[in-house]
Amino acid sequence: MVRFIAFLALSTLLTLASAIPTDDSYGKCDYEGEMKCVGHKFATCDHGYFVIRDCAKGTECRPQGKSIVCDFPSHGY
């Protein structure tokens, strides 16, 4: 049981650490949940820093009003 709890604690720590940016190229954010497009990906504010995430395969990030969406690219028709 102790090994399981230790494993669970370690895996939780590793998961949290992977969400923390390793550099500040995307910078700090103003409020929790803030979102913005970064190329075809999107960034979400998590504990004061932007975390970059991928859109679903075949989609790209686009601003839409005060929000963002991951949508299929426009092909001009």
N, C-alpha and C. Protein backbone atom coordinates (compact mmCIF):
# COMPACT_ATOMS: atom_id res chain seq x y z
N MET A 1 0.83 -1.19 0.00
CA MET A 1 0.00 0.00 0.00
C MET A 1 0.87 1.26 0.00
N VAL A 2 1.96 1.23 0.77
CA VAL A 2 2.85 2.39 0.85
C VAL A 2 3.49 2.64 -0.51
N ARG A 3 3.88 1.57 -1.21
CA ARG A 3 4.47 1.72 -2.55
C ARG A 3 3.47 2.35 -3.51
N PHE A 4 2.22 1.93 -3.44
CA PHE A 4 1.19 2.48 -4.32
C PHE A 4 1.00 3.97 -4.07
N ILE A 5 0.94 4.37 -2.82
CA ILE A 5 0.78 5.79 -2.48
C ILE A 5 1.99 6.59 -2.95
N ALA A 6 3.19 6.04 -2.77
CA ALA A 6 4.40 6.71 -3.24
C ALA A 6 4.38 6.84 -4.75
N PHE A 7 3.97 5.79 -5.46
CA PHE A 7 3.87 5.83 -6.91
C PHE A 7 2.86 6.88 -7.35
N LEU A 8 1.71 6.90 -6.71
CA LEU A 8 0.67 7.86 -7.03
C LEU A 8 1.15 9.29 -6.81
N ALA A 9 1.83 9.54 -5.72
CA ALA A 9 2.36 10.88 -5.44
C ALA A 9 3.40 11.28 -6.47
N LEU A 10 4.28 10.36 -6.84
CA LEU A 10 5.31 10.66 -7.83
C LEU A 10 4.71 10.92 -9.20
N SER A 11 3.75 10.11 -9.61
CA SER A 11 3.14 10.31 -10.93
C SER A 11 2.36 11.63 -10.97
N THR A 12 1.73 12.01 -9.87
CA THR A 12 1.03 13.30 -9.81
C THR A 12 2.02 14.45 -9.92
N LEU A 13 3.14 14.34 -9.22
CA LEU A 13 4.18 15.36 -9.29
C LEU A 13 4.74 15.50 -10.69
N LEU A 14 4.99 14.39 -11.36
CA LEU A 14 5.52 14.43 -12.72
C LEU A 14 4.51 15.03 -13.68
N THR A 15 3.24 14.74 -13.50
CA THR A 15 2.20 15.32 -14.34
C THR A 15 2.15 16.83 -14.15
N LEU A 16 2.19 17.28 -12.92
CA LEU A 16 2.17 18.72 -12.66
C LEU A 16 3.42 19.40 -13.20
N ALA A 17 4.56 18.77 -13.05
CA ALA A 17 5.81 19.35 -13.54
C ALA A 17 5.82 19.47 -15.05
N SER A 18 5.18 18.55 -15.76
CA SER A 18 5.17 18.61 -17.22
C SER A 18 4.31 19.77 -17.73
N ALA A 19 3.40 20.28 -16.91
CA ALA A 19 2.56 21.40 -17.32
C ALA A 19 3.23 22.75 -17.10
N ILE A 20 4.35 22.77 -16.36
CA ILE A 20 5.05 24.02 -16.09
C ILE A 20 6.00 24.30 -17.24
N PRO A 21 5.92 25.47 -17.85
CA PRO A 21 6.81 25.77 -18.97
C PRO A 21 8.28 25.73 -18.55
N THR A 22 9.13 25.23 -19.44
CA THR A 22 10.55 25.15 -19.13
C THR A 22 11.26 26.44 -19.52
N ASP A 23 10.62 27.29 -20.29
CA ASP A 23 11.16 28.61 -20.59
C ASP A 23 10.01 29.59 -20.55
N ASP A 24 10.32 30.86 -20.63
CA ASP A 24 9.22 31.84 -20.57
C ASP A 24 8.98 32.48 -21.93
N SER A 25 9.23 31.72 -23.01
CA SER A 25 9.02 32.26 -24.35
C SER A 25 7.54 32.56 -24.60
N TYR A 26 6.64 31.91 -23.90
CA TYR A 26 5.21 32.20 -24.03
C TYR A 26 4.74 33.06 -22.88
N GLY A 27 5.58 33.23 -21.89
CA GLY A 27 5.37 34.21 -20.85
C GLY A 27 4.31 33.93 -19.82
N LYS A 28 4.20 34.89 -18.95
CA LYS A 28 3.19 34.85 -17.90
C LYS A 28 1.86 35.31 -18.48
N CYS A 29 0.79 34.89 -17.83
CA CYS A 29 -0.54 35.29 -18.27
C CYS A 29 -1.21 36.11 -17.19
N ASP A 30 -2.27 36.80 -17.58
CA ASP A 30 -2.94 37.74 -16.68
C ASP A 30 -3.98 37.09 -15.77
N TYR A 31 -4.68 36.08 -16.27
CA TYR A 31 -5.73 35.47 -15.45
C TYR A 31 -5.89 33.99 -15.79
N GLU A 32 -6.27 33.21 -14.81
CA GLU A 32 -6.46 31.77 -14.95
C GLU A 32 -7.49 31.48 -16.03
N GLY A 33 -7.15 30.57 -16.95
CA GLY A 33 -8.06 30.21 -18.03
C GLY A 33 -7.91 31.05 -19.28
N GLU A 34 -7.10 32.10 -19.24
CA GLU A 34 -6.87 32.93 -20.42
C GLU A 34 -6.33 32.04 -21.55
N MET A 35 -6.79 32.27 -22.78
CA MET A 35 -6.37 31.46 -23.91
C MET A 35 -5.95 32.34 -25.07
N LYS A 36 -4.98 31.84 -25.86
CA LYS A 36 -4.58 32.54 -27.07
C LYS A 36 -3.99 31.54 -28.04
N CYS A 37 -4.03 31.89 -29.32
CA CYS A 37 -3.43 31.05 -30.36
C CYS A 37 -1.94 31.31 -30.42
N VAL A 38 -1.18 30.24 -30.61
CA VAL A 38 0.27 30.32 -30.79
C VAL A 38 0.57 29.46 -32.01
N GLY A 39 0.62 30.10 -33.16
CA GLY A 39 0.74 29.35 -34.41
C GLY A 39 -0.52 28.53 -34.61
N HIS A 40 -0.37 27.24 -34.89
CA HIS A 40 -1.54 26.36 -35.06
C HIS A 40 -1.97 25.74 -33.74
N LYS A 41 -1.20 25.98 -32.68
CA LYS A 41 -1.51 25.45 -31.35
C LYS A 41 -2.22 26.52 -30.53
N PHE A 42 -2.54 26.20 -29.27
CA PHE A 42 -3.14 27.21 -28.41
C PHE A 42 -2.49 27.17 -27.03
N ALA A 43 -2.57 28.29 -26.35
CA ALA A 43 -1.99 28.43 -25.02
C ALA A 43 -3.10 28.70 -24.02
N THR A 44 -3.01 28.06 -22.87
CA THR A 44 -3.97 28.24 -21.79
C THR A 44 -3.22 28.67 -20.54
N CYS A 45 -3.76 29.65 -19.82
CA CYS A 45 -3.13 30.11 -18.58
C CYS A 45 -3.36 29.08 -17.49
N ASP A 46 -2.26 28.63 -16.90
CA ASP A 46 -2.31 27.66 -15.82
C ASP A 46 -1.35 28.09 -14.72
N HIS A 47 -1.89 28.54 -13.61
CA HIS A 47 -1.10 28.99 -12.47
C HIS A 47 -0.11 30.09 -12.84
N GLY A 48 -0.58 31.05 -13.65
CA GLY A 48 0.23 32.23 -13.96
C GLY A 48 1.12 32.13 -15.19
N TYR A 49 1.15 30.96 -15.84
CA TYR A 49 1.98 30.77 -17.04
C TYR A 49 1.16 30.12 -18.15
N PHE A 50 1.47 30.49 -19.39
CA PHE A 50 0.83 29.85 -20.52
C PHE A 50 1.40 28.45 -20.73
N VAL A 51 0.51 27.49 -20.95
CA VAL A 51 0.88 26.12 -21.29
C VAL A 51 0.39 25.89 -22.71
N ILE A 52 1.31 25.44 -23.58
CA ILE A 52 0.98 25.24 -24.99
C ILE A 52 0.39 23.85 -25.19
N ARG A 53 -0.70 23.82 -25.96
CA ARG A 53 -1.37 22.55 -26.25
C ARG A 53 -1.63 22.43 -27.75
N ASP A 54 -1.73 21.21 -28.22
CA ASP A 54 -2.03 20.97 -29.63
C ASP A 54 -3.53 20.98 -29.86
N CYS A 55 -3.92 21.49 -31.02
CA CYS A 55 -5.30 21.30 -31.48
C CYS A 55 -5.41 19.86 -31.99
N ALA A 56 -6.62 19.39 -32.19
CA ALA A 56 -6.84 18.04 -32.71
C ALA A 56 -6.21 17.92 -34.10
N LYS A 57 -5.84 16.71 -34.46
CA LYS A 57 -5.20 16.45 -35.75
C LYS A 57 -6.04 17.02 -36.89
N GLY A 58 -5.38 17.77 -37.77
CA GLY A 58 -6.05 18.35 -38.93
C GLY A 58 -6.69 19.71 -38.68
N THR A 59 -6.63 20.19 -37.43
CA THR A 59 -7.21 21.50 -37.11
C THR A 59 -6.12 22.47 -36.71
N GLU A 60 -6.48 23.74 -36.69
CA GLU A 60 -5.55 24.78 -36.26
C GLU A 60 -6.30 25.81 -35.43
N CYS A 61 -5.57 26.51 -34.61
CA CYS A 61 -6.16 27.50 -33.71
C CYS A 61 -6.50 28.77 -34.46
N ARG A 62 -7.67 29.32 -34.16
CA ARG A 62 -8.12 30.58 -34.74
C ARG A 62 -8.83 31.41 -33.67
N PRO A 63 -8.55 32.71 -33.64
CA PRO A 63 -9.32 33.58 -32.74
C PRO A 63 -10.77 33.67 -33.24
N GLN A 64 -11.69 33.71 -32.30
CA GLN A 64 -13.11 33.87 -32.65
C GLN A 64 -13.74 34.77 -31.60
N GLY A 65 -13.86 36.05 -31.93
CA GLY A 65 -14.36 37.02 -30.96
C GLY A 65 -13.38 37.14 -29.81
N LYS A 66 -13.86 36.97 -28.59
CA LYS A 66 -12.99 37.03 -27.41
C LYS A 66 -12.51 35.65 -26.99
N SER A 67 -12.71 34.67 -27.86
CA SER A 67 -12.34 33.29 -27.55
C SER A 67 -11.46 32.75 -28.67
N ILE A 68 -11.19 31.46 -28.63
CA ILE A 68 -10.46 30.77 -29.69
C ILE A 68 -11.15 29.47 -30.00
N VAL A 69 -10.90 28.93 -31.20
CA VAL A 69 -11.41 27.62 -31.59
C VAL A 69 -10.32 26.87 -32.33
N CYS A 70 -10.34 25.57 -32.25
CA CYS A 70 -9.51 24.74 -33.10
C CYS A 70 -10.44 24.27 -34.22
N ASP A 71 -10.16 24.74 -35.44
CA ASP A 71 -11.05 24.52 -36.56
C ASP A 71 -10.26 23.97 -37.74
N PHE A 72 -10.95 23.40 -38.70
CA PHE A 72 -10.28 22.94 -39.91
C PHE A 72 -9.85 24.15 -40.72
N PRO A 73 -8.66 24.08 -41.33
CA PRO A 73 -8.14 25.22 -42.08
C PRO A 73 -9.03 25.56 -43.27
N SER A 74 -9.11 26.85 -43.57
CA SER A 74 -9.87 27.33 -44.72
C SER A 74 -9.02 27.13 -45.97
N HIS A 75 -9.64 26.66 -47.01
CA HIS A 75 -8.91 26.44 -48.27
C HIS A 75 -9.32 27.46 -49.33
N GLY A 76 -9.94 28.54 -48.91
CA GLY A 76 -10.30 29.60 -49.83
C GLY A 76 -11.54 29.34 -50.67
N TYR A 77 -12.38 28.40 -50.26
CA TYR A 77 -13.64 28.18 -50.98
C TYR A 77 -14.75 27.94 -50.02
